[in-house]
PDB file of N, CA and C in Angstrom:
ATOM      1  N   MET A   1      -0.680  22.384  17.096  1.00  0.00           N
ATOM      2  CA  MET A   1      -1.881  22.077  16.326  1.00  0.00           C
ATOM      3  C   MET A   1      -1.692  22.483  14.866  1.00  0.00           C
ATOM      4  N   THR A   2      -2.117  21.619  13.981  1.00  0.00           N
ATOM      5  CA  THR A   2      -2.022  21.891  12.548  1.00  0.00           C
ATOM      6  C   THR A   2      -3.062  22.944  12.171  1.00  0.00           C
ATOM      7  N   THR A   3      -2.616  24.046  11.584  1.00  0.00           N
ATOM      8  CA  THR A   3      -3.552  25.076  11.148  1.00  0.00           C
ATOM      9  C   THR A   3      -3.690  25.124   9.636  1.00  0.00           C
ATOM     10  N   GLU A   4      -2.663  24.623   8.932  1.00  0.00           N
ATOM     11  CA  GLU A   4      -2.721  24.567   7.469  1.00  0.00           C
ATOM     12  C   GLU A   4      -2.067  23.289   6.987  1.00  0.00           C
ATOM     13  N   VAL A   5      -2.551  22.801   5.859  1.00  0.00           N
ATOM     14  CA  VAL A   5      -1.916  21.664   5.201  1.00  0.00           C
ATOM     15  C   VAL A   5      -1.646  22.040   3.748  1.00  0.00           C
ATOM     16  N   LYS A   6      -0.659  21.380   3.184  1.00  0.00           N
ATOM     17  CA  LYS A   6      -0.364  21.545   1.756  1.00  0.00           C
ATOM     18  C   LYS A   6      -0.635  20.204   1.107  1.00  0.00           C
ATOM     19  N   ALA A   7      -1.513  20.211   0.118  1.00  0.00           N
ATOM     20  CA  ALA A   7      -1.920  18.952  -0.493  1.00  0.00           C
ATOM     21  C   ALA A   7      -2.006  19.078  -2.009  1.00  0.00           C
ATOM     22  N   SER A   8      -1.962  17.922  -2.637  1.00  0.00           N
ATOM     23  CA  SER A   8      -2.229  17.795  -4.064  1.00  0.00           C
ATOM     24  C   SER A   8      -3.409  16.843  -4.188  1.00  0.00           C
ATOM     25  N   HIS A   9      -4.130  16.941  -5.300  1.00  0.00           N
ATOM     26  CA  HIS A   9      -5.235  16.004  -5.481  1.00  0.00           C
ATOM     27  C   HIS A   9      -5.438  15.675  -6.947  1.00  0.00           C
ATOM     28  N   ILE A  10      -6.157  14.583  -7.139  1.00  0.00           N
ATOM     29  CA  ILE A  10      -6.587  14.144  -8.458  1.00  0.00           C
ATOM     30  C   ILE A  10      -8.102  14.017  -8.383  1.00  0.00           C
ATOM     31  N   LEU A  11      -8.790  14.623  -9.316  1.00  0.00           N
ATOM     32  CA  LEU A  11     -10.250  14.575  -9.364  1.00  0.00           C
ATOM     33  C   LEU A  11     -10.681  13.797 -10.605  1.00  0.00           C
ATOM     34  N   VAL A  12     -11.489  12.756 -10.377  1.00  0.00           N
ATOM     35  CA  VAL A  12     -12.043  11.960 -11.483  1.00  0.00           C
ATOM     36  C   VAL A  12     -13.547  11.786 -11.246  1.00  0.00           C
ATOM     37  N   LYS A  13     -14.225  11.278 -12.260  1.00  0.00           N
ATOM     38  CA  LYS A  13     -15.689  11.177 -12.189  1.00  0.00           C
ATOM     39  C   LYS A  13     -16.196   9.982 -11.396  1.00  0.00           C
ATOM     40  N   THR A  14     -15.488   8.848 -11.464  1.00  0.00           N
ATOM     41  CA  THR A  14     -16.040   7.629 -10.872  1.00  0.00           C
ATOM     42  C   THR A  14     -15.135   7.045  -9.785  1.00  0.00           C
ATOM     43  N   GLU A  15     -15.767   6.299  -8.885  1.00  0.00           N
ATOM     44  CA  GLU A  15     -15.012   5.611  -7.836  1.00  0.00           C
ATOM     45  C   GLU A  15     -14.057   4.597  -8.453  1.00  0.00           C
ATOM     46  N   GLU A  16     -14.489   3.935  -9.512  1.00  0.00           N
ATOM     47  CA  GLU A  16     -13.635   2.940 -10.167  1.00  0.00           C
ATOM     48  C   GLU A  16     -12.349   3.584 -10.699  1.00  0.00           C
ATOM     49  N   GLU A  17     -12.483   4.734 -11.360  1.00  0.00           N
ATOM     50  CA  GLU A  17     -11.282   5.447 -11.845  1.00  0.00           C
ATOM     51  C   GLU A  17     -10.353   5.785 -10.689  1.00  0.00           C
ATOM     52  N   ALA A  18     -10.935   6.280  -9.600  1.00  0.00           N
ATOM     53  CA  ALA A  18     -10.129   6.664  -8.442  1.00  0.00           C
ATOM     54  C   ALA A  18      -9.420   5.454  -7.844  1.00  0.00           C
ATOM     55  N   LYS A  19     -10.113   4.334  -7.731  1.00  0.00           N
ATOM     56  CA  LYS A  19      -9.505   3.119  -7.185  1.00  0.00           C
ATOM     57  C   LYS A  19      -8.369   2.627  -8.074  1.00  0.00           C
ATOM     58  N   ASN A  20      -8.579   2.669  -9.396  1.00  0.00           N
ATOM     59  CA  ASN A  20      -7.532   2.234 -10.323  1.00  0.00           C
ATOM     60  C   ASN A  20      -6.295   3.119 -10.205  1.00  0.00           C
ATOM     61  N   LEU A  21      -6.504   4.429 -10.122  1.00  0.00           N
ATOM     62  CA  LEU A  21      -5.367   5.345  -9.975  1.00  0.00           C
ATOM     63  C   LEU A  21      -4.667   5.140  -8.636  1.00  0.00           C
ATOM     64  N   TYR A  22      -5.437   4.927  -7.578  1.00  0.00           N
ATOM     65  CA  TYR A  22      -4.858   4.667  -6.256  1.00  0.00           C
ATOM     66  C   TYR A  22      -3.919   3.462  -6.332  1.00  0.00           C
ATOM     67  N   ASP A  23      -4.376   2.396  -6.968  1.00  0.00           N
ATOM     68  CA  ASP A  23      -3.537   1.203  -7.116  1.00  0.00           C
ATOM     69  C   ASP A  23      -2.283   1.492  -7.925  1.00  0.00           C
ATOM     70  N   GLU A  24      -2.429   2.247  -9.007  1.00  0.00           N
ATOM     71  CA  GLU A  24      -1.264   2.594  -9.839  1.00  0.00           C
ATOM     72  C   GLU A  24      -0.242   3.394  -9.040  1.00  0.00           C
ATOM     73  N   ILE A  25      -0.713   4.346  -8.246  1.00  0.00           N
ATOM     74  CA  ILE A  25       0.185   5.180  -7.444  1.00  0.00           C
ATOM     75  C   ILE A  25       0.882   4.332  -6.377  1.00  0.00           C
ATOM     76  N   LEU A  26       0.143   3.446  -5.721  1.00  0.00           N
ATOM     77  CA  LEU A  26       0.755   2.565  -4.726  1.00  0.00           C
ATOM     78  C   LEU A  26       1.804   1.655  -5.354  1.00  0.00           C
ATOM     79  N   ASN A  27       1.628   1.356  -6.636  1.00  0.00           N
ATOM     80  CA  ASN A  27       2.577   0.495  -7.345  1.00  0.00           C
ATOM     81  C   ASN A  27       3.682   1.280  -8.042  1.00  0.00           C
ATOM     82  N   GLY A  28       3.817   2.582  -7.714  1.00  0.00           N
ATOM     83  CA  GLY A  28       4.975   3.330  -8.183  1.00  0.00           C
ATOM     84  C   GLY A  28       4.723   4.466  -9.149  1.00  0.00           C
ATOM     85  N   LYS A  29       3.505   4.631  -9.649  1.00  0.00           N
ATOM     86  CA  LYS A  29       3.243   5.742 -10.568  1.00  0.00           C
ATOM     87  C   LYS A  29       3.341   7.058  -9.789  1.00  0.00           C
ATOM     88  N   SER A  30       3.932   8.051 -10.391  1.00  0.00           N
ATOM     89  CA  SER A  30       4.049   9.369  -9.777  1.00  0.00           C
ATOM     90  C   SER A  30       2.666   9.997  -9.599  1.00  0.00           C
ATOM     91  N   PHE A  31       2.386  10.486  -8.377  1.00  0.00           N
ATOM     92  CA  PHE A  31       1.114  11.157  -8.113  1.00  0.00           C
ATOM     93  C   PHE A  31       0.959  12.356  -9.043  1.00  0.00           C
ATOM     94  N   ALA A  32       2.018  13.150  -9.168  1.00  0.00           N
ATOM     95  CA  ALA A  32       1.956  14.352 -10.011  1.00  0.00           C
ATOM     96  C   ALA A  32       1.686  13.991 -11.465  1.00  0.00           C
ATOM     97  N   GLN A  33       2.321  12.930 -11.955  1.00  0.00           N
ATOM     98  CA  GLN A  33       2.104  12.515 -13.341  1.00  0.00           C
ATOM     99  C   GLN A  33       0.672  12.029 -13.535  1.00  0.00           C
ATOM    100  N   ALA A  34       0.155  11.284 -12.576  1.00  0.00           N
ATOM    101  CA  ALA A  34      -1.232  10.812 -12.652  1.00  0.00           C
ATOM    102  C   ALA A  34      -2.190  12.003 -12.665  1.00  0.00           C
ATOM    103  N   ALA A  35      -1.895  13.020 -11.856  1.00  0.00           N
ATOM    104  CA  ALA A  35      -2.746  14.219 -11.832  1.00  0.00           C
ATOM    105  C   ALA A  35      -2.732  14.912 -13.195  1.00  0.00           C
ATOM    106  N   LYS A  36      -1.556  15.037 -13.790  1.00  0.00           N
ATOM    107  CA  LYS A  36      -1.455  15.686 -15.101  1.00  0.00           C
ATOM    108  C   LYS A  36      -2.235  14.920 -16.167  1.00  0.00           C
ATOM    109  N   GLU A  37      -2.212  13.601 -16.076  1.00  0.00           N
ATOM    110  CA  GLU A  37      -2.854  12.765 -17.093  1.00  0.00           C
ATOM    111  C   GLU A  37      -4.365  12.643 -16.910  1.00  0.00           C
ATOM    112  N   TYR A  38      -4.834  12.584 -15.661  1.00  0.00           N
ATOM    113  CA  TYR A  38      -6.218  12.187 -15.428  1.00  0.00           C
ATOM    114  C   TYR A  38      -7.108  13.191 -14.701  1.00  0.00           C
ATOM    115  N   SER A  39      -6.532  14.131 -13.961  1.00  0.00           N
ATOM    116  CA  SER A  39      -7.365  14.992 -13.119  1.00  0.00           C
ATOM    117  C   SER A  39      -8.251  15.917 -13.943  1.00  0.00           C
ATOM    118  N   LEU A  40      -9.508  16.035 -13.525  1.00  0.00           N
ATOM    119  CA  LEU A  40     -10.459  16.943 -14.168  1.00  0.00           C
ATOM    120  C   LEU A  40     -10.339  18.365 -13.623  1.00  0.00           C
ATOM    121  N   CYS A  41      -9.574  18.534 -12.555  1.00  0.00           N
ATOM    122  CA  CYS A  41      -9.387  19.842 -11.932  1.00  0.00           C
ATOM    123  C   CYS A  41      -8.268  20.596 -12.650  1.00  0.00           C
ATOM    124  N   PRO A  42      -8.406  21.922 -12.804  1.00  0.00           N
ATOM    125  CA  PRO A  42      -7.323  22.699 -13.418  1.00  0.00           C
ATOM    126  C   PRO A  42      -5.975  22.538 -12.708  1.00  0.00           C
ATOM    127  N   SER A  43      -5.993  22.173 -11.431  1.00  0.00           N
ATOM    128  CA  SER A  43      -4.728  21.965 -10.707  1.00  0.00           C
ATOM    129  C   SER A  43      -3.934  20.789 -11.274  1.00  0.00           C
ATOM    130  N   GLY A  44      -4.582  19.954 -12.065  1.00  0.00           N
ATOM    131  CA  GLY A  44      -3.885  18.824 -12.674  1.00  0.00           C
ATOM    132  C   GLY A  44      -2.689  19.249 -13.503  1.00  0.00           C
ATOM    133  N   PHE A  45      -2.785  20.411 -14.124  1.00  0.00           N
ATOM    134  CA  PHE A  45      -1.668  20.910 -14.950  1.00  0.00           C
ATOM    135  C   PHE A  45      -0.412  21.106 -14.128  1.00  0.00           C
ATOM    136  N   SER A  46      -0.567  21.370 -12.830  1.00  0.00           N
ATOM    137  CA  SER A  46       0.591  21.560 -11.949  1.00  0.00           C
ATOM    138  C   SER A  46       0.768  20.347 -11.032  1.00  0.00           C
ATOM    139  N   GLY A  47       0.393  19.182 -11.514  1.00  0.00           N
ATOM    140  CA  GLY A  47       0.559  17.963 -10.743  1.00  0.00           C
ATOM    141  C   GLY A  47      -0.428  17.828  -9.603  1.00  0.00           C
ATOM    142  N   GLY A  48      -1.517  18.591  -9.660  1.00  0.00           N
ATOM    143  CA  GLY A  48      -2.549  18.509  -8.644  1.00  0.00           C
ATOM    144  C   GLY A  48      -2.325  19.403  -7.437  1.00  0.00           C
ATOM    145  N   ASP A  49      -1.258  20.207  -7.462  1.00  0.00           N
ATOM    146  CA  ASP A  49      -0.895  21.025  -6.301  1.00  0.00           C
ATOM    147  C   ASP A  49      -1.963  22.062  -5.969  1.00  0.00           C
ATOM    148  N   LEU A  50      -2.463  22.002  -4.727  1.00  0.00           N
ATOM    149  CA  LEU A  50      -3.450  22.974  -4.244  1.00  0.00           C
ATOM    150  C   LEU A  50      -2.824  24.019  -3.336  1.00  0.00           C
ATOM    151  N   GLY A  51      -1.544  23.867  -3.027  1.00  0.00           N
ATOM    152  CA  GLY A  51      -0.893  24.795  -2.112  1.00  0.00           C
ATOM    153  C   GLY A  51      -1.378  24.566  -0.683  1.00  0.00           C
ATOM    154  N   TYR A  52      -1.141  25.566   0.173  1.00  0.00           N
ATOM    155  CA  TYR A  52      -1.568  25.489   1.567  1.00  0.00           C
ATOM    156  C   TYR A  52      -3.009  25.961   1.703  1.00  0.00           C
ATOM    157  N   PHE A  53      -3.748  25.318   2.596  1.00  0.00           N
ATOM    158  CA  PHE A  53      -5.098  25.776   2.908  1.00  0.00           C
ATOM    159  C   PHE A  53      -5.421  25.434   4.358  1.00  0.00           C
ATOM    160  N   GLY A  54      -6.300  26.237   4.921  1.00  0.00           N
ATOM    161  CA  GLY A  54      -6.728  26.035   6.294  1.00  0.00           C
ATOM    162  C   GLY A  54      -8.109  25.418   6.346  1.00  0.00           C
ATOM    163  N   ARG A  55      -8.570  25.193   7.561  1.00  0.00           N
ATOM    164  CA  ARG A  55      -9.916  24.641   7.754  1.00  0.00           C
ATOM    165  C   ARG A  55     -10.949  25.634   7.246  1.00  0.00           C
ATOM    166  N   GLY A  56     -12.017  25.096   6.660  1.00  0.00           N
ATOM    167  CA  GLY A  56     -13.080  25.932   6.146  1.00  0.00           C
ATOM    168  C   GLY A  56     -12.886  26.388   4.710  1.00  0.00           C
ATOM    169  N   MET A  57     -11.775  25.994   4.089  1.00  0.00           N
ATOM    170  CA  MET A  57     -11.493  26.437   2.717  1.00  0.00           C
ATOM    171  C   MET A  57     -11.853  25.389   1.661  1.00  0.00           C
ATOM    172  N   MET A  58     -12.041  24.142   2.092  1.00  0.00           N
ATOM    173  CA  MET A  58     -12.380  23.052   1.179  1.00  0.00           C
ATOM    174  C   MET A  58     -13.680  22.419   1.657  1.00  0.00           C
ATOM    175  N   VAL A  59     -14.322  21.637   0.800  1.00  0.00           N
ATOM    176  CA  VAL A  59     -15.531  20.937   1.224  1.00  0.00           C
ATOM    177  C   VAL A  59     -15.168  19.956   2.342  1.00  0.00           C
ATOM    178  N   LYS A  60     -16.100  19.719   3.242  1.00  0.00           N
ATOM    179  CA  LYS A  60     -15.815  19.000   4.481  1.00  0.00           C
ATOM    180  C   LYS A  60     -15.190  17.614   4.299  1.00  0.00           C
ATOM    181  N   PRO A  61     -15.707  16.740   3.435  1.00  0.00           N
ATOM    182  CA  PRO A  61     -15.070  15.410   3.322  1.00  0.00           C
ATOM    183  C   PRO A  61     -13.606  15.502   2.886  1.00  0.00           C
ATOM    184  N   PHE A  62     -13.319  16.438   1.995  1.00  0.00           N
ATOM    185  CA  PHE A  62     -11.957  16.636   1.501  1.00  0.00           C
ATOM    186  C   PHE A  62     -11.079  17.171   2.634  1.00  0.00           C
ATOM    187  N   GLU A  63     -11.568  18.199   3.311  1.00  0.00           N
ATOM    188  CA  GLU A  63     -10.824  18.810   4.414  1.00  0.00           C
ATOM    189  C   GLU A  63     -10.562  17.808   5.532  1.00  0.00           C
ATOM    190  N   ASP A  64     -11.588  17.064   5.925  1.00  0.00           N
ATOM    191  CA  ASP A  64     -11.429  16.087   7.004  1.00  0.00           C
ATOM    192  C   ASP A  64     -10.336  15.080   6.675  1.00  0.00           C
ATOM    193  N   ALA A  65     -10.325  14.607   5.439  1.00  0.00           N
ATOM    194  CA  ALA A  65      -9.305  13.647   5.023  1.00  0.00           C
ATOM    195  C   ALA A  65      -7.920  14.281   5.051  1.00  0.00           C
ATOM    196  N   ALA A  66      -7.784  15.455   4.451  1.00  0.00           N
ATOM    197  CA  ALA A  66      -6.478  16.103   4.349  1.00  0.00           C
ATOM    198  C   ALA A  66      -5.875  16.376   5.728  1.00  0.00           C
ATOM    199  N   PHE A  67      -6.701  16.837   6.663  1.00  0.00           N
ATOM    200  CA  PHE A  67      -6.182  17.177   7.984  1.00  0.00           C
ATOM    201  C   PHE A  67      -5.907  15.949   8.854  1.00  0.00           C
ATOM    202  N   SER A  68      -6.390  14.776   8.443  1.00  0.00           N
ATOM    203  CA  SER A  68      -6.155  13.571   9.242  1.00  0.00           C
ATOM    204  C   SER A  68      -4.991  12.736   8.710  1.00  0.00           C
ATOM    205  N   MET A  69      -4.390  13.161   7.609  1.00  0.00           N
ATOM    206  CA  MET A  69      -3.342  12.375   6.960  1.00  0.00           C
ATOM    207  C   MET A  69      -1.957  12.711   7.490  1.00  0.00           C
ATOM    208  N   GLU A  70      -1.018  11.807   7.211  1.00  0.00           N
ATOM    209  CA  GLU A  70       0.393  12.034   7.509  1.00  0.00           C
ATOM    210  C   GLU A  70       1.082  12.532   6.242  1.00  0.00           C
ATOM    211  N   ILE A  71       2.147  13.307   6.407  1.00  0.00           N
ATOM    212  CA  ILE A  71       2.897  13.838   5.259  1.00  0.00           C
ATOM    213  C   ILE A  71       3.393  12.675   4.395  1.00  0.00           C
ATOM    214  N   GLY A  72       3.155  12.797   3.097  1.00  0.00           N
ATOM    215  CA  GLY A  72       3.564  11.778   2.136  1.00  0.00           C
ATOM    216  C   GLY A  72       2.493  10.738   1.852  1.00  0.00           C
ATOM    217  N   GLU A  73       1.470  10.710   2.683  1.00  0.00           N
ATOM    218  CA  GLU A  73       0.403   9.715   2.526  1.00  0.00           C
ATOM    219  C   GLU A  73      -0.502  10.068   1.345  1.00  0.00           C
ATOM    220  N   VAL A  74      -1.031   9.030   0.686  1.00  0.00           N
ATOM    221  CA  VAL A  74      -2.036   9.179  -0.366  1.00  0.00           C
ATOM    222  C   VAL A  74      -3.330   8.584   0.167  1.00  0.00           C
ATOM    223  N   SER A  75      -4.408   9.341   0.072  1.00  0.00           N
ATOM    224  CA  SER A  75      -5.702   8.878   0.582  1.00  0.00           C
ATOM    225  C   SER A  75      -6.309   7.828  -0.322  1.00  0.00           C
ATOM    226  N   LYS A  76      -7.184   7.027   0.264  1.00  0.00           N
ATOM    227  CA  LYS A  76      -8.072   6.196  -0.541  1.00  0.00           C
ATOM    228  C   LYS A  76      -9.088   7.144  -1.172  1.00  0.00           C
ATOM    229  N   PRO A  77      -9.837   6.702  -2.173  1.00  0.00           N
ATOM    230  CA  PRO A  77     -10.796   7.598  -2.843  1.00  0.00           C
ATOM    231  C   PRO A  77     -11.800   8.229  -1.876  1.00  0.00           C
ATOM    232  N   ILE A  78     -12.034   9.521  -2.061  1.00  0.00           N
ATOM    233  CA  ILE A  78     -12.955  10.305  -1.241  1.00  0.00           C
ATOM    234  C   ILE A  78     -13.968  10.960  -2.170  1.00  0.00           C
ATOM    235  N   GLN A  79     -15.247  10.810  -1.839  1.00  0.00           N
ATOM    236  CA  GLN A  79     -16.301  11.382  -2.676  1.00  0.00           C
ATOM    237  C   GLN A  79     -16.736  12.742  -2.133  1.00  0.00           C
ATOM    238  N   THR A  80     -16.868  13.709  -3.053  1.00  0.00           N
ATOM    239  CA  THR A  80     -17.485  15.002  -2.750  1.00  0.00           C
ATOM    240  C   THR A  80     -18.494  15.286  -3.858  1.00  0.00           C
ATOM    241  N   GLN A  81     -19.147  16.426  -3.763  1.00  0.00           N
ATOM    242  CA  GLN A  81     -20.105  16.790  -4.817  1.00  0.00           C
ATOM    243  C   GLN A  81     -19.418  17.041  -6.161  1.00  0.00           C
ATOM    244  N   PHE A  82     -18.088  17.150  -6.166  1.00  0.00           N
ATOM    245  CA  PHE A  82     -17.353  17.403  -7.405  1.00  0.00           C
ATOM    246  C   PHE A  82     -16.935  16.126  -8.121  1.00  0.00           C
ATOM    247  N   GLY A  83     -16.936  15.017  -7.394  1.00  0.00           N
ATOM    248  CA  GLY A  83     -16.499  13.753  -7.960  1.00  0.00           C
ATOM    249  C   GLY A  83     -15.698  12.978  -6.938  1.00  0.00           C
ATOM    250  N   TRP A  84     -14.745  12.197  -7.412  1.00  0.00           N
ATOM    251  CA  TRP A  84     -13.910  11.353  -6.558  1.00  0.00           C
ATOM    252  C   TRP A  84     -12.489  11.889  -6.547  1.00  0.00           C
ATOM    253  N   HIS A  85     -11.919  11.989  -5.357  1.00  0.00           N
ATOM    254  CA  HIS A  85     -10.587  12.566  -5.174  1.00  0.00           C
ATOM    255  C   HIS A  85      -9.613  11.546  -4.604  1.00  0.00           C
ATOM    256  N   LEU A  86      -8.367  11.688  -5.005  1.00  0.00           N
ATOM    257  CA  LEU A  86      -7.237  11.117  -4.287  1.00  0.00           C
ATOM    258  C   LEU A  86      -6.448  12.316  -3.790  1.00  0.00           C
ATOM    259  N   ILE A  87      -6.022  12.268  -2.555  1.00  0.00           N
ATOM    260  CA  ILE A  87      -5.282  13.384  -1.962  1.00  0.00           C
ATOM    261  C   ILE A  87      -3.899  12.890  -1.559  1.00  0.00           C
ATOM    262  N   GLN A  88      -2.898  13.714  -1.823  1.00  0.00           N
ATOM    263  CA  GLN A  88      -1.550  13.447  -1.321  1.00  0.00           C
ATOM    264  C   GLN A  88      -1.201  14.609  -0.402  1.00  0.00           C
ATOM    265  N   LEU A  89      -0.868  14.297   0.861  1.00  0.00           N
ATOM    266  CA  LEU A  89      -0.503  15.351   1.801  1.00  0.00           C
ATOM    267  C   LEU A  89       0.982  15.636   1.661  1.00  0.00           C
ATOM    268  N   ASN A  90       1.310  16.900   1.426  1.00  0.00           N
ATOM    269  CA  ASN A  90       2.692  17.296   1.186  1.00  0.00           C
ATOM    270  C   ASN A  90       3.359  17.982   2.375  1.00  0.00           C
ATOM    271  N   ASP A  91       2.578  18.644   3.231  1.00  0.00           N
ATOM    272  CA  ASP A  91       3.171  19.369   4.373  1.00  0.00           C
ATOM    273  C   ASP A  91       2.071  19.764   5.340  1.00  0.00           C
ATOM    274  N   LYS A  92       2.465  20.037   6.582  1.00  0.00           N
ATOM    275  CA  LYS A  92       1.569  20.576   7.615  1.00  0.00           C
ATOM    276  C   LYS A  92       2.296  21.705   8.317  1.00  0.00           C
ATOM    277  N   LYS A  93       1.536  22.707   8.749  1.00  0.00           N
ATOM    278  CA  LYS A  93       2.139  23.749   9.598  1.00  0.00           C
ATOM    279  C   LYS A  93       1.100  24.359  10.511  1.00  0.00           C
TER     280      LYS A  93
END
């Protein structure tokens, strides 16, 4: 059973921004570079890296998405009270 995941994310204000970035990443743009350029979260400076986290450490929509993904996958836009996120799953343990 997965108890922790390692993820990166990009936080933007609008669904449209998130969708545009999702398309750019699918077409070859580096997730880390997109995070550095566009993310409103301080983690953007480190390519969006959030490190490892367990259940109960993130808001539920974000956590549910991260724990349901496969390593290397990039999520479609996910809305939380903070804005719109794209998540890249980097590892599970």
